[in-house]
Amino acid sequence: MKAIKLSILSALMLTAGVTAVKAQTADEIIQKHIDAIGGTDNWNKITSMKKVCSMSIQGMDIGYTETIVNSKLYRTDVSAMGMNGYVIVTPKEGWMYLPMQGMDKVTPVPAEQLKGAGEKMNTRIFMLADKAGIDKSEYIGRDTITNIPCFKVKITNKDGNVQTDYFDAATYYLVRTEMTAGDQELALSFSDFKKQPEGIVMPMTMTSPMGMGDLTVKSVEINKPVADDAYKPNPTDKK
């Protein structure tokens, strides 16, 4: 009889746990994620961020630097095959120069790409540390990513773009995001989370499961001055 009672008690406890998980809303999961990566107050103090990274794709080493100045600049610098290129986006205009992809001159970023680039100029929204960029969110169940039990949340941003995010059920870190760009399915996984001196937590490794290789963050600079020439194409590049 005692064993039966214990079995019933165990079943009730398990059921209660499942009920509690189902009761969580998408908004609650996102808020727990924000708290887990440092909280709103710490992220609000971040005005700029520069990440120096390395990538390896099919045996080719690529240097990659990302610079963000909130509401002012999103810039990536790429070095590969002995060539240097970049993509620059500001609130009103943008340029691309990627000679390793056959570009021989600076090219304006297409208007449709500029429209979706606004959130990248905000470190809080880009890292999902701020709900301001979210139009609506929906909890859509649970899944397992690389043996990590996760909550799945469907998020629609202010521009109407939709992505599915997977949050570690134990830590609430964002471990994977999936989205569609045109007719292409894109996915990115995040790991090796580290707390920065400013109190925020960031993934130091990003992986594309579609053969694009790993991107490893080698260094992070936060709230450091960004030179004026970062906002414009290099005048010595062909135009």
Protein backbone atom coordinates (compact mmCIF):
# COMPACT_ATOMS: atom_id res chain seq x y z
CA MET A 1 0.00 0.00 0.00
CA LYS A 2 2.82 2.41 0.88
CA ALA A 3 4.50 1.71 -2.46
CA ILE A 4 1.23 2.42 -4.28
CA LYS A 5 0.79 5.70 -2.43
CA LEU A 6 4.34 6.73 -3.29
CA SER A 7 3.74 5.87 -6.95
CA ILE A 8 0.58 7.97 -6.97
CA LEU A 9 2.44 10.83 -5.27
CA SER A 10 5.27 10.62 -7.81
CA ALA A 11 2.79 10.66 -10.68
CA LEU A 12 1.04 13.70 -9.22
CA MET A 13 4.37 15.52 -8.82
CA LEU A 14 5.35 14.75 -12.40
CA THR A 15 1.96 15.89 -13.65
CA ALA A 16 2.26 19.09 -11.64
CA GLY A 17 5.66 19.73 -13.19
CA VAL A 18 4.33 19.26 -16.71
CA THR A 19 1.39 21.54 -15.95
CA ALA A 20 3.74 24.22 -14.66
CA VAL A 21 5.82 24.03 -17.86
CA LYS A 22 2.73 24.28 -20.07
CA ALA A 23 1.49 27.24 -18.06
CA GLN A 24 4.51 29.35 -19.03
CA THR A 25 3.72 31.92 -21.64
CA ALA A 26 6.02 33.03 -24.42
CA ASP A 27 6.35 36.40 -22.70
CA GLU A 28 7.46 34.75 -19.45
CA ILE A 29 10.04 32.61 -21.25
CA ILE A 30 11.47 35.64 -23.06
CA GLN A 31 11.63 37.61 -19.81
CA LYS A 32 13.48 34.75 -18.08
CA HIS A 33 15.88 34.71 -21.02
CA ILE A 34 16.51 38.46 -20.64
CA ASP A 35 17.13 38.02 -16.90
CA ALA A 36 19.48 35.08 -17.56
CA ILE A 37 21.69 37.05 -19.97
CA GLY A 38 22.16 40.00 -17.63
CA GLY A 39 18.85 41.80 -17.33
CA THR A 40 17.43 44.92 -18.89
CA ASP A 41 19.43 47.40 -16.80
CA ASN A 42 22.82 45.97 -17.82
CA TRP A 43 21.87 45.72 -21.50
CA ASN A 44 20.55 49.29 -21.50
CA LYS A 45 24.07 50.44 -20.64
CA ILE A 46 25.50 48.91 -23.82
CA THR A 47 25.84 51.60 -26.48
CA SER A 48 28.39 49.93 -28.77
CA MET A 49 29.95 46.52 -29.25
CA LYS A 50 32.81 45.20 -31.36
CA LYS A 51 33.40 41.46 -31.75
CA VAL A 52 36.51 40.06 -33.39
CA CYS A 53 35.80 36.56 -34.63
CA SER A 54 37.26 33.74 -36.69
CA MET A 55 35.58 31.25 -39.00
CA SER A 56 36.62 28.14 -40.86
CA ILE A 57 34.58 27.07 -43.88
CA GLN A 58 35.64 24.00 -45.83
CA GLY A 59 39.20 24.42 -44.61
CA MET A 60 39.37 28.14 -45.42
CA ASP A 61 40.10 30.52 -42.54
CA ILE A 62 38.07 33.71 -42.50
CA GLY A 63 38.48 36.76 -40.29
CA TYR A 64 35.25 38.42 -39.26
CA THR A 65 34.70 41.58 -37.21
CA GLU A 66 31.27 42.91 -36.26
CA THR A 67 30.79 46.49 -35.03
CA ILE A 68 27.49 47.82 -33.71
CA VAL A 69 26.70 51.34 -32.53
CA ASN A 70 23.14 51.44 -31.25
CA SER A 71 20.74 53.09 -33.70
CA LYS A 72 23.67 54.34 -35.80
CA LEU A 73 25.78 51.57 -37.32
CA TYR A 74 25.98 47.88 -38.15
CA ARG A 75 29.25 46.93 -39.85
CA THR A 76 30.93 43.64 -40.67
CA ASP A 77 34.51 43.38 -41.93
CA VAL A 78 35.61 40.16 -43.62
CA SER A 79 39.07 38.95 -44.64
CA ALA A 80 39.47 35.85 -46.80
CA MET A 81 41.71 34.62 -49.63
CA GLY A 82 44.03 37.57 -49.06
CA MET A 83 41.23 40.07 -49.66
CA ASN A 84 39.35 42.41 -47.35
CA GLY A 85 35.72 43.38 -47.66
CA TYR A 86 32.88 44.85 -45.65
CA VAL A 87 29.18 45.54 -45.31
CA ILE A 88 28.11 48.87 -43.77
CA VAL A 89 24.56 49.72 -42.73
CA THR A 90 23.40 53.03 -41.24
CA PRO A 91 19.82 54.20 -40.60
CA LYS A 92 19.48 55.70 -44.10
CA GLU A 93 21.98 53.97 -46.36
CA GLY A 94 24.38 51.07 -46.71
CA TRP A 95 27.26 49.74 -48.84
CA MET A 96 28.86 46.43 -49.69
CA TYR A 97 32.37 45.70 -50.92
CA LEU A 98 33.14 41.98 -51.04
CA PRO A 99 35.92 41.28 -53.56
CA MET A 100 36.12 37.64 -52.43
CA GLN A 101 32.63 37.29 -53.93
CA GLY A 102 33.61 38.93 -57.20
CA MET A 103 32.69 42.55 -56.38
CA ASP A 104 35.10 45.02 -57.97
CA LYS A 105 33.49 48.18 -56.60
CA VAL A 106 31.46 49.49 -53.68
CA THR A 107 27.79 48.64 -54.17
CA PRO A 108 24.77 50.14 -52.37
CA VAL A 109 22.90 47.75 -50.10
CA PRO A 110 19.47 47.02 -51.69
CA ALA A 111 16.55 48.85 -50.09
CA GLU A 112 14.81 45.61 -49.08
CA GLN A 113 17.90 44.53 -47.13
CA LEU A 114 18.17 47.92 -45.43
CA LYS A 115 14.60 47.57 -44.22
CA GLY A 116 15.40 44.42 -42.27
CA ALA A 117 18.75 45.63 -40.98
CA GLY A 118 17.44 48.16 -38.48
CA GLU A 119 17.26 45.72 -35.58
CA LYS A 120 20.90 44.77 -36.11
CA MET A 121 21.85 48.31 -35.08
CA ASN A 122 20.47 47.68 -31.60
CA THR A 123 22.48 45.22 -29.49
CA ARG A 124 19.54 44.67 -27.14
CA ILE A 125 17.06 43.73 -29.85
CA PHE A 126 19.61 41.77 -31.89
CA MET A 127 20.50 39.61 -28.85
CA LEU A 128 16.83 39.37 -27.83
CA ALA A 129 17.60 41.27 -24.65
CA ASP A 130 14.77 43.72 -25.23
CA LYS A 131 11.09 43.10 -26.01
CA ALA A 132 10.83 46.38 -27.90
CA GLY A 133 11.55 44.71 -31.23
CA ILE A 134 8.87 42.03 -30.78
CA ASP A 135 5.43 42.49 -32.32
CA LYS A 136 4.04 39.19 -31.05
CA SER A 137 5.27 35.91 -29.57
CA GLU A 138 3.76 32.45 -29.18
CA TYR A 139 4.84 29.43 -27.14
CA ILE A 140 4.64 26.46 -29.52
CA GLY A 141 5.93 23.54 -27.45
CA ARG A 142 9.12 21.79 -26.46
CA ASP A 143 11.96 20.23 -28.41
CA THR A 144 15.52 18.98 -27.92
CA ILE A 145 18.51 20.69 -29.51
CA THR A 146 21.89 18.89 -29.23
CA ASN A 147 20.56 16.97 -26.20
CA ILE A 148 19.30 20.18 -24.55
CA PRO A 149 15.58 20.27 -23.63
CA CYS A 150 14.20 23.55 -24.97
CA PHE A 151 11.13 25.76 -25.03
CA LYS A 152 10.08 26.77 -28.57
CA VAL A 153 8.80 30.29 -29.11
CA LYS A 154 7.61 31.77 -32.40
CA ILE A 155 8.50 35.45 -32.59
CA THR A 156 7.34 38.07 -35.09
CA ASN A 157 9.33 41.29 -35.07
CA LYS A 158 8.16 44.81 -35.86
CA ASP A 159 9.11 44.38 -39.54
CA GLY A 160 6.92 41.28 -39.82
CA ASN A 161 9.84 38.83 -39.96
CA VAL A 162 9.15 35.51 -38.23
CA GLN A 163 11.64 33.27 -36.43
CA THR A 164 11.45 30.25 -34.17
CA ASP A 165 13.67 30.46 -31.10
CA TYR A 166 14.75 27.60 -28.83
CA PHE A 167 15.49 28.46 -25.19
CA ASP A 168 17.38 26.08 -22.89
CA ALA A 169 14.73 24.90 -20.39
CA ALA A 170 17.30 25.00 -17.57
CA THR A 171 19.24 28.22 -18.23
CA TYR A 172 16.83 30.09 -20.56
CA TYR A 173 19.75 30.91 -22.86
CA LEU A 174 18.84 31.15 -26.56
CA VAL A 175 20.53 28.10 -28.11
CA ARG A 176 19.07 28.11 -31.62
CA THR A 177 17.12 30.36 -33.95
CA GLU A 178 15.45 29.44 -37.25
CA MET A 179 14.04 31.76 -39.89
CA THR A 180 13.20 32.05 -43.58
CA ALA A 181 14.87 34.56 -45.88
CA GLY A 182 13.09 34.59 -49.22
CA ASP A 183 12.85 30.92 -50.17
CA GLN A 184 15.84 29.90 -48.04
CA GLU A 185 15.62 28.30 -44.60
CA LEU A 186 18.27 29.63 -42.21
CA ALA A 187 19.34 28.41 -38.79
CA LEU A 188 21.98 29.38 -36.25
CA SER A 189 22.96 27.67 -33.00
CA PHE A 190 24.62 29.38 -30.01
CA SER A 191 26.91 27.91 -27.34
CA ASP A 192 29.84 28.61 -24.99
CA PHE A 193 28.03 31.36 -23.08
CA LYS A 194 30.28 33.71 -21.09
CA LYS A 195 29.52 36.56 -18.74
CA GLN A 196 31.23 39.83 -19.68
CA PRO A 197 32.62 42.36 -17.15
CA GLU A 198 29.61 44.58 -17.92
CA GLY A 199 27.30 41.90 -16.49
CA ILE A 200 25.82 40.65 -19.76
CA VAL A 201 26.05 37.05 -20.99
CA MET A 202 26.93 36.31 -24.63
CA PRO A 203 27.46 33.18 -26.76
CA MET A 204 31.07 32.91 -27.86
CA THR A 205 30.40 30.26 -30.53
CA MET A 206 27.80 30.37 -33.29
CA THR A 207 27.25 27.43 -35.61
CA SER A 208 25.28 27.03 -38.81
CA PRO A 209 24.00 23.46 -39.22
CA MET A 210 24.01 23.97 -42.99
CA GLY A 211 27.75 23.53 -43.49
CA MET A 212 28.71 27.18 -42.98
CA GLY A 213 31.12 26.33 -40.16
CA ASP A 214 31.63 27.75 -36.69
CA LEU A 215 32.10 31.40 -35.84
CA THR A 216 34.18 31.82 -32.69
CA VAL A 217 34.33 35.13 -30.82
CA LYS A 218 37.95 35.84 -29.93
CA SER A 219 37.46 39.21 -28.21
CA VAL A 220 34.69 41.63 -27.28
CA GLU A 221 34.95 45.40 -26.82
CA ILE A 222 31.98 47.11 -25.21
CA ASN A 223 31.25 50.86 -25.09
CA LYS A 224 34.53 51.78 -26.76
CA PRO A 225 34.73 54.73 -29.21
CA VAL A 226 34.12 53.87 -32.87
CA ALA A 227 36.04 55.91 -35.46
CA ASP A 228 34.08 58.13 -37.86
CA ASP A 229 35.53 56.35 -40.92
CA ALA A 230 33.74 53.14 -39.87
CA TYR A 231 30.48 54.69 -41.14
CA LYS A 232 31.62 55.13 -44.75
CA PRO A 233 33.26 52.97 -47.46
CA ASN A 234 37.02 53.13 -47.80
CA PRO A 235 37.72 55.95 -50.31
CA THR A 236 40.55 53.93 -51.88
CA ASP A 237 38.23 51.09 -52.91
CA LYS A 238 37.13 51.04 -56.54
CA LYS A 239 33.79 52.72 -57.26
